[in-house]
Amino acid sequence: MAVKVLVVDDSGFFRRRVSEILSADPTIQVVGTATNGREAIDQALALKPDVITMDYEMPMMDGITAVRHIMQRCPTPVLMFSSLTHEGARVTLDALDAGAVDYLPKNFEDISRNPDKVKQLLCEKVHTISRSNRRFGSYASPAAVAAPAPASSHAPAGSFASPAQTRPAAPARVAAPAAAHSPAPKRKPYKLVAIGTSTGGPVALQRVLTQLPANFPAPIVLIQHMPAAFTKAFAERLDKLCRISVKEAEDGDMLRPGLALLAPGGKQMMIDGRGAVKILPGDERLNYKPCVDITFGSAAKSYGDKVLSVVLTGMGADGREGARLLKQGGSTVWAQDEASCVIYGMPMAIVKANLADAVYSLDEIGKHLVEACV
């Protein structure tokens, strides 16, 4: 059965091009278009698409507001189009908070010059997010649940980066809790917590990291598949929301307790035995920049059995081989459970390879990190 898509954009040119690209795939059907957020809501209710592609800047109602209403009334996977700028990153992160599943850069030149590449990427995204848990309401974004109030010197109570969190909370649509997959963790003097994720990761990381106290005893490294223009804005956002400190990693940064370093987009992050971070150019031979396997592998080499690694929501299998190296060295590997993932790809790869020491729901992971680290 073809994936039904609703295309939303105030630009007639962009609506036509996106519709043409999607319609060229026999497994995708464009069932309608809309020119603004209000039309998008009406069309979503009437057509019940499997996926909605959404622009941000539109008359009558912007894309973020539309996403929020759609998530309340007819939860549907939304793919946002965004610009590769700092402001575009901020807007995209707001849209993910509101309930969007994923995003793609909106680049008119690419659509004109590289139609084959654009078609492949867009169609792959549509197919992937059509299978996400968002459609069935089994995953709630921070806009739909109360986020912990930040309590640190750099994040005063009530300072939220997202407009979605300053509005009344939308009704949470969360599936019935699944049976516990794993017992509570044993305490251990970990020297590093390493967390890897992809699609759904920005919201998932926010949910996990806002549960950690300012005096969290272990250094943290974060590997999120994200464009180079986005990681700085994402780190700044997390820093405002969390009690711990968060920054985009730079070459030479030193690991320290209570600090999370986010791998910069378009590059690779490694850690040496002295606790120093090395930022390397992105290797064109690698699909992911940053790559979870590379950071996990360097952590395994540098810290042996003293790493607690976590693989969160995301498509593909990045992190599996790095987790294998960590397990061989005696370190611990956790995976997010299927029910709380937006895309159960990366954690599934860990579980199927029998590498997971524990499988926890998203809301359990932050709590268990606090319990595990001494």
Protein backbone atom coordinates (compact mmCIF):
# COMPACT_ATOMS: atom_id res chain seq x y z
CA MET A 1 0.00 0.00 0.00
CA ALA A 2 1.35 3.42 -0.97
CA VAL A 3 2.36 5.92 1.70
CA LYS A 4 -0.14 8.81 1.60
CA VAL A 5 1.50 12.25 1.86
CA LEU A 6 0.11 15.75 2.43
CA VAL A 7 2.44 18.50 1.13
CA VAL A 8 2.24 21.84 2.98
CA ASP A 9 4.03 24.96 1.72
CA ASP A 10 3.00 28.50 0.78
CA SER A 11 5.32 28.43 -2.26
CA GLY A 12 3.54 27.06 -5.33
CA PHE A 13 6.89 26.17 -6.89
CA PHE A 14 8.02 24.17 -3.87
CA ARG A 15 4.66 22.39 -3.51
CA ARG A 16 4.81 21.32 -7.14
CA ARG A 17 8.43 20.15 -7.02
CA VAL A 18 7.97 18.19 -3.78
CA SER A 19 4.76 16.66 -5.12
CA GLU A 20 6.48 15.71 -8.41
CA ILE A 21 9.44 14.13 -6.62
CA LEU A 22 7.22 12.10 -4.30
CA SER A 23 4.73 11.10 -7.01
CA ALA A 24 7.55 9.67 -9.13
CA ASP A 25 7.90 6.95 -6.48
CA PRO A 26 5.19 4.34 -7.13
CA THR A 27 5.05 3.52 -3.41
CA ILE A 28 4.15 7.10 -2.45
CA GLN A 29 0.87 8.90 -3.16
CA VAL A 30 0.45 12.66 -2.72
CA VAL A 31 -3.15 12.88 -1.50
CA GLY A 32 -3.33 16.66 -1.12
CA THR A 33 -1.58 19.99 -0.67
CA ALA A 34 -2.06 22.99 1.61
CA THR A 35 -0.78 26.57 1.47
CA ASN A 36 -0.80 27.43 5.19
CA GLY A 37 -1.05 25.92 8.65
CA ARG A 38 -4.82 26.20 8.93
CA GLU A 39 -5.34 24.40 5.64
CA ALA A 40 -2.84 21.78 6.81
CA ILE A 41 -4.90 21.01 9.90
CA ASP A 42 -8.14 20.74 7.90
CA GLN A 43 -6.51 18.55 5.26
CA ALA A 44 -4.87 16.31 7.88
CA LEU A 45 -8.25 15.71 9.51
CA ALA A 46 -10.02 15.12 6.19
CA LEU A 47 -7.39 13.09 4.31
CA LYS A 48 -5.71 11.21 7.18
CA PRO A 49 -2.30 11.10 5.46
CA ASP A 50 0.48 8.80 6.62
CA VAL A 51 3.06 11.62 6.46
CA ILE A 52 2.92 15.42 6.24
CA THR A 53 5.73 17.54 4.79
CA MET A 54 5.63 20.98 6.39
CA ASP A 55 7.21 24.36 5.78
CA TYR A 56 7.75 26.72 8.71
CA GLU A 57 7.10 30.22 7.37
CA MET A 58 3.54 30.46 6.03
CA PRO A 59 0.69 32.99 6.16
CA MET A 60 -2.38 32.51 8.38
CA MET A 61 -0.60 29.98 10.64
CA ASP A 62 3.06 28.96 10.79
CA GLY A 63 4.27 25.38 10.59
CA ILE A 64 5.14 24.94 14.26
CA THR A 65 1.67 26.00 15.41
CA ALA A 66 0.14 23.70 12.81
CA VAL A 67 2.25 20.77 13.98
CA ARG A 68 1.16 21.35 17.56
CA HIS A 69 -2.53 21.32 16.59
CA ILE A 70 -2.10 18.24 14.40
CA MET A 71 -0.40 16.34 17.23
CA GLN A 72 -3.33 17.18 19.50
CA ARG A 73 -6.09 16.28 17.07
CA CYS A 74 -4.74 13.61 14.68
CA PRO A 75 -1.15 12.59 15.49
CA THR A 76 0.69 12.17 12.17
CA PRO A 77 4.41 11.94 11.36
CA VAL A 78 5.60 15.36 10.14
CA LEU A 79 8.74 16.04 8.09
CA MET A 80 9.79 19.69 8.41
CA PHE A 81 11.70 21.64 5.79
CA SER A 82 14.27 24.02 7.24
CA SER A 83 17.11 26.33 6.25
CA LEU A 84 20.71 25.43 7.10
CA THR A 85 21.26 28.46 9.32
CA HIS A 86 21.47 29.05 13.06
CA GLU A 87 17.97 30.51 12.99
CA GLY A 88 16.80 27.62 10.84
CA ALA A 89 18.20 25.23 13.42
CA ARG A 90 16.36 27.00 16.24
CA VAL A 91 13.08 26.87 14.33
CA THR A 92 13.59 23.20 13.45
CA LEU A 93 14.27 22.29 17.08
CA ASP A 94 11.08 24.11 18.06
CA ALA A 95 9.20 22.06 15.46
CA LEU A 96 10.63 18.82 16.84
CA ASP A 97 9.53 19.90 20.32
CA ALA A 98 6.06 20.53 18.93
CA GLY A 99 5.92 16.96 17.61
CA ALA A 100 7.60 16.79 14.19
CA VAL A 101 9.53 13.57 13.61
CA ASP A 102 12.36 14.69 11.34
CA TYR A 103 13.58 17.47 9.06
CA LEU A 104 15.26 18.13 5.73
CA PRO A 105 17.12 21.22 4.53
CA LYS A 106 15.01 23.35 2.20
CA ASN A 107 17.42 24.19 -0.59
CA PHE A 108 15.91 25.23 -3.89
CA GLU A 109 19.28 24.95 -5.66
CA ASP A 110 19.61 21.28 -4.71
CA ILE A 111 16.14 20.56 -6.03
CA SER A 112 17.13 22.11 -9.36
CA ARG A 113 20.67 20.73 -9.66
CA ASN A 114 20.55 17.32 -7.98
CA PRO A 115 17.04 15.93 -8.49
CA ASP A 116 18.11 12.29 -8.17
CA LYS A 117 19.84 12.87 -4.85
CA VAL A 118 16.95 14.94 -3.53
CA LYS A 119 14.40 12.37 -4.66
CA GLN A 120 16.24 9.52 -2.98
CA LEU A 121 16.69 11.36 0.31
CA LEU A 122 13.16 12.75 0.44
CA CYS A 123 11.51 9.44 -0.44
CA GLU A 124 13.66 7.55 2.07
CA LYS A 125 12.70 10.01 4.82
CA VAL A 126 9.00 9.74 3.97
CA HIS A 127 9.06 5.96 4.03
CA THR A 128 11.01 5.83 7.28
CA ILE A 129 8.91 8.28 9.27
CA SER A 130 5.69 6.72 7.95
CA ARG A 131 6.66 3.75 10.13
CA SER A 132 7.46 5.86 13.19
CA ASN A 133 5.64 5.56 16.49
CA ARG A 134 4.37 9.12 16.13
CA ARG A 135 1.36 8.03 14.11
CA PHE A 136 0.04 5.82 16.86
CA GLY A 137 0.55 8.31 19.63
CA SER A 138 2.93 6.04 21.51
CA TYR A 139 5.55 8.76 21.80
CA ALA A 140 4.97 12.11 23.49
CA SER A 141 7.11 15.14 22.69
CA PRO A 142 8.19 17.55 25.44
CA ALA A 143 5.39 19.84 24.26
CA ALA A 144 2.95 17.18 25.35
CA VAL A 145 4.40 16.44 28.77
CA ALA A 146 5.67 18.64 31.57
CA ALA A 147 9.43 19.08 31.38
CA PRO A 148 11.45 19.26 34.61
CA ALA A 149 12.19 22.83 35.61
CA PRO A 150 15.88 23.61 35.13
CA ALA A 151 17.74 24.41 38.28
CA SER A 152 21.24 25.67 37.72
CA SER A 153 23.15 28.90 37.66
CA HIS A 154 23.10 28.98 33.86
CA ALA A 155 19.46 27.87 33.57
CA PRO A 156 17.24 29.71 36.08
CA ALA A 157 13.88 28.20 36.91
CA GLY A 158 11.41 28.80 34.12
CA SER A 159 13.97 29.61 31.41
CA PHE A 160 12.83 27.50 28.50
CA ALA A 161 14.25 27.81 25.02
CA SER A 162 11.17 26.54 23.23
CA PRO A 163 7.90 28.42 22.79
CA ALA A 164 6.24 25.02 22.83
CA GLN A 165 7.10 24.69 26.49
CA THR A 166 5.70 28.05 27.52
CA ARG A 167 2.20 27.22 26.27
CA PRO A 168 -0.31 24.97 28.02
CA ALA A 169 0.72 21.36 27.67
CA ALA A 170 -1.09 19.38 25.02
CA PRO A 171 -2.78 16.17 26.11
CA ALA A 172 -0.18 13.44 26.28
CA ARG A 173 -0.80 10.51 23.96
CA VAL A 174 1.37 7.82 25.41
CA ALA A 175 0.81 4.11 25.01
CA ALA A 176 0.20 1.96 28.06
CA PRO A 177 3.50 1.32 29.83
CA ALA A 178 5.24 -1.79 28.62
CA ALA A 179 6.49 -4.37 31.07
CA ALA A 180 9.92 -3.58 32.49
CA HIS A 181 12.60 -4.94 30.17
CA SER A 182 15.54 -4.84 32.59
CA PRO A 183 16.13 -4.47 36.32
CA ALA A 184 17.53 -1.28 37.82
CA PRO A 185 21.26 -0.89 37.09
CA LYS A 186 24.11 -1.64 39.47
CA ARG A 187 26.22 1.28 40.63
CA LYS A 188 29.72 1.56 39.18
CA PRO A 189 32.44 4.26 38.99
CA TYR A 190 32.05 5.00 35.29
CA LYS A 191 34.58 7.39 33.77
CA LEU A 192 32.34 8.28 30.82
CA VAL A 193 28.72 8.19 29.68
CA ALA A 194 28.40 8.07 25.87
CA ILE A 195 25.01 8.52 24.19
CA GLY A 196 24.36 7.99 20.47
CA THR A 197 21.16 8.76 18.56
CA SER A 198 19.64 9.89 15.26
CA THR A 199 16.00 10.44 14.18
CA GLY A 200 14.00 11.48 17.23
CA GLY A 201 17.22 12.14 19.10
CA PRO A 202 16.91 15.87 19.82
CA VAL A 203 13.72 15.35 21.81
CA ALA A 204 14.99 12.10 23.36
CA LEU A 205 18.25 13.69 24.54
CA GLN A 206 16.31 16.58 26.03
CA ARG A 207 14.11 14.15 27.96
CA VAL A 208 17.11 12.23 29.29
CA LEU A 209 19.48 15.08 30.10
CA THR A 210 16.91 17.25 31.91
CA GLN A 211 16.66 14.48 34.52
CA LEU A 212 20.33 14.73 35.49
CA PRO A 213 21.46 16.82 38.48
CA ALA A 214 24.09 19.56 38.16
CA ASN A 215 26.54 17.42 40.16
CA PHE A 216 26.21 14.38 37.89
CA PRO A 217 29.46 12.53 38.61
CA ALA A 218 30.51 11.40 35.12
CA PRO A 219 31.51 13.26 31.95
CA ILE A 220 29.10 12.82 29.03
CA VAL A 221 29.59 12.78 25.26
CA LEU A 222 26.64 13.06 22.87
CA ILE A 223 26.61 11.89 19.25
CA GLN A 224 23.54 13.09 17.36
CA HIS A 225 23.25 12.77 13.58
CA MET A 226 22.76 16.43 12.66
CA PRO A 227 24.00 18.98 10.09
CA ALA A 228 26.95 21.19 10.93
CA ALA A 229 24.74 24.29 11.10
CA PHE A 230 22.50 22.73 13.76
CA THR A 231 24.72 21.30 16.50
CA LYS A 232 25.77 24.61 18.06
CA ALA A 233 22.16 25.77 18.35
CA PHE A 234 21.15 22.38 19.75
CA ALA A 235 23.92 22.46 22.37
CA GLU A 236 22.90 25.98 23.40
CA ARG A 237 19.30 24.86 23.73
CA LEU A 238 20.19 21.88 25.91
CA ASP A 239 22.44 24.07 28.06
CA LYS A 240 19.49 26.36 28.82
CA LEU A 241 17.17 23.48 29.65
CA CYS A 242 19.47 21.24 31.69
CA ARG A 243 21.02 21.40 35.14
CA ILE A 244 24.26 19.99 33.74
CA SER A 245 26.29 22.10 31.31
CA VAL A 246 26.14 21.30 27.59
CA LYS A 247 28.33 22.65 24.79
CA GLU A 248 29.29 21.81 21.23
CA ALA A 249 32.60 19.97 21.47
CA GLU A 250 35.80 21.65 20.26
CA ASP A 251 39.17 20.11 19.61
CA GLY A 252 41.12 19.96 22.89
CA ASP A 253 38.10 20.14 25.20
CA MET A 254 38.58 18.12 28.39
CA LEU A 255 35.97 15.77 29.79
CA ARG A 256 34.71 16.67 33.25
CA PRO A 257 31.81 15.65 35.49
CA GLY A 258 28.58 17.54 34.93
CA LEU A 259 29.53 18.54 31.38
CA ALA A 260 28.03 17.05 28.20
CA LEU A 261 29.95 17.59 24.96
CA LEU A 262 27.94 17.36 21.73
CA ALA A 263 29.80 16.13 18.65
CA PRO A 264 29.84 18.90 16.00
CA GLY A 265 27.89 18.18 12.82
CA GLY A 266 29.92 17.28 9.74
CA LYS A 267 32.90 16.11 11.82
CA GLN A 268 34.03 13.16 13.95
CA MET A 269 34.64 13.15 17.69
CA MET A 270 37.13 10.90 19.46
CA ILE A 271 38.33 10.71 23.07
CA ASP A 272 41.82 9.86 24.28
CA GLY A 273 42.95 8.30 27.54
CA ARG A 274 43.73 11.70 29.10
CA GLY A 275 40.11 12.75 28.74
CA ALA A 276 40.83 15.10 25.85
CA VAL A 277 38.45 15.43 22.92
CA LYS A 278 39.76 15.26 19.37
CA ILE A 279 37.61 16.72 16.59
CA LEU A 280 38.51 15.40 13.14
CA PRO A 281 37.25 16.28 9.65
CA GLY A 282 34.28 14.26 8.47
CA ASP A 283 35.43 11.32 6.35
CA GLU A 284 33.48 11.21 3.07
CA ARG A 285 33.65 7.43 3.13
CA LEU A 286 31.42 7.40 6.22
CA ASN A 287 27.66 7.79 5.99
CA TYR A 288 27.38 9.61 9.30
CA LYS A 289 29.19 12.76 10.38
CA PRO A 290 29.32 12.54 13.36
CA CYS A 291 29.37 8.75 13.62
CA VAL A 292 28.42 6.94 16.84
CA ASP A 293 30.66 3.96 16.03
CA ILE A 294 33.76 6.16 15.87
CA THR A 295 33.17 7.88 19.21
CA PHE A 296 32.15 4.63 20.92
CA GLY A 297 35.22 2.89 19.48
CA SER A 298 37.59 5.56 20.78
CA ALA A 299 35.91 5.40 24.19
CA ALA A 300 36.39 1.62 24.28
CA LYS A 301 40.09 2.02 23.51
CA SER A 302 40.63 4.79 26.07
CA TYR A 303 38.46 3.69 29.00
CA GLY A 304 38.16 -0.09 28.85
CA ASP A 305 35.35 -1.25 31.12
CA LYS A 306 34.55 2.19 32.57
CA VAL A 307 32.09 3.40 29.89
CA LEU A 308 28.31 3.43 30.18
CA SER A 309 26.96 3.75 26.63
CA VAL A 310 23.36 4.36 25.59
CA VAL A 311 21.83 3.99 22.13
CA LEU A 312 18.63 5.96 21.63
CA THR A 313 16.05 6.26 18.83
CA GLY A 314 17.26 6.47 15.24
CA MET A 315 17.21 4.80 11.84
CA GLY A 316 19.99 2.50 10.71
CA ALA A 317 22.55 0.65 12.80
CA ASP A 318 25.18 3.27 13.68
CA GLY A 319 26.53 2.47 17.14
CA ARG A 320 26.34 -1.30 16.86
CA GLU A 321 29.98 -1.91 16.01
CA GLY A 322 31.16 0.66 18.51
CA ALA A 323 28.98 -0.99 21.15
CA ARG A 324 30.53 -4.32 20.23
CA LEU A 325 33.99 -2.91 20.99
CA LEU A 326 32.74 -1.47 24.28
CA LYS A 327 31.28 -4.85 25.29
CA GLN A 328 34.52 -6.61 24.40
CA GLY A 329 36.30 -4.26 26.79
CA GLY A 330 33.84 -4.94 29.61
CA SER A 331 31.83 -1.70 29.35
CA THR A 332 28.05 -1.42 29.67
CA VAL A 333 25.57 -0.91 26.83
CA TRP A 334 21.95 0.20 27.21
CA ALA A 335 19.32 0.45 24.47
CA GLN A 336 16.07 2.39 24.35
CA ASP A 337 12.98 0.20 24.14
CA GLU A 338 10.86 -0.02 21.01
CA ALA A 339 7.70 1.48 22.48
CA SER A 340 9.34 4.81 23.38
CA CYS A 341 11.44 5.17 20.20
CA VAL A 342 10.36 7.41 17.34
CA ILE A 343 12.33 5.08 15.02
CA TYR A 344 13.36 1.69 16.40
CA GLY A 345 16.43 1.18 14.23
CA MET A 346 19.67 1.86 16.09
CA PRO A 347 18.48 0.38 19.41
CA MET A 348 17.05 -2.63 17.57
CA ALA A 349 20.45 -3.25 15.99
CA ILE A 350 21.99 -3.33 19.48
CA VAL A 351 19.35 -5.70 20.84
CA LYS A 352 19.43 -8.06 17.84
CA ALA A 353 23.23 -8.30 18.12
CA ASN A 354 22.83 -9.30 21.80
CA LEU A 355 24.89 -6.32 22.91
CA ALA A 356 22.39 -4.71 25.29
CA ASP A 357 23.03 -5.15 29.00
CA ALA A 358 19.71 -3.42 29.64
CA VAL A 359 16.70 -2.12 27.68
CA TYR A 360 14.86 0.84 29.19
CA SER A 361 12.09 3.20 28.17
CA LEU A 362 13.08 6.77 27.39
CA ASP A 363 11.72 8.11 30.66
CA GLU A 364 13.63 5.47 32.65
CA ILE A 365 17.03 6.19 31.13
CA GLY A 366 17.76 9.51 32.87
CA LYS A 367 16.71 8.14 36.24
CA HIS A 368 18.82 5.01 35.79
CA LEU A 369 21.86 7.06 34.72
CA VAL A 370 21.69 8.85 38.07
CA GLU A 371 21.35 5.51 39.87
CA ALA A 372 24.20 3.84 37.97
CA CYS A 373 26.93 6.45 38.22
CA VAL A 374 28.85 6.95 41.46
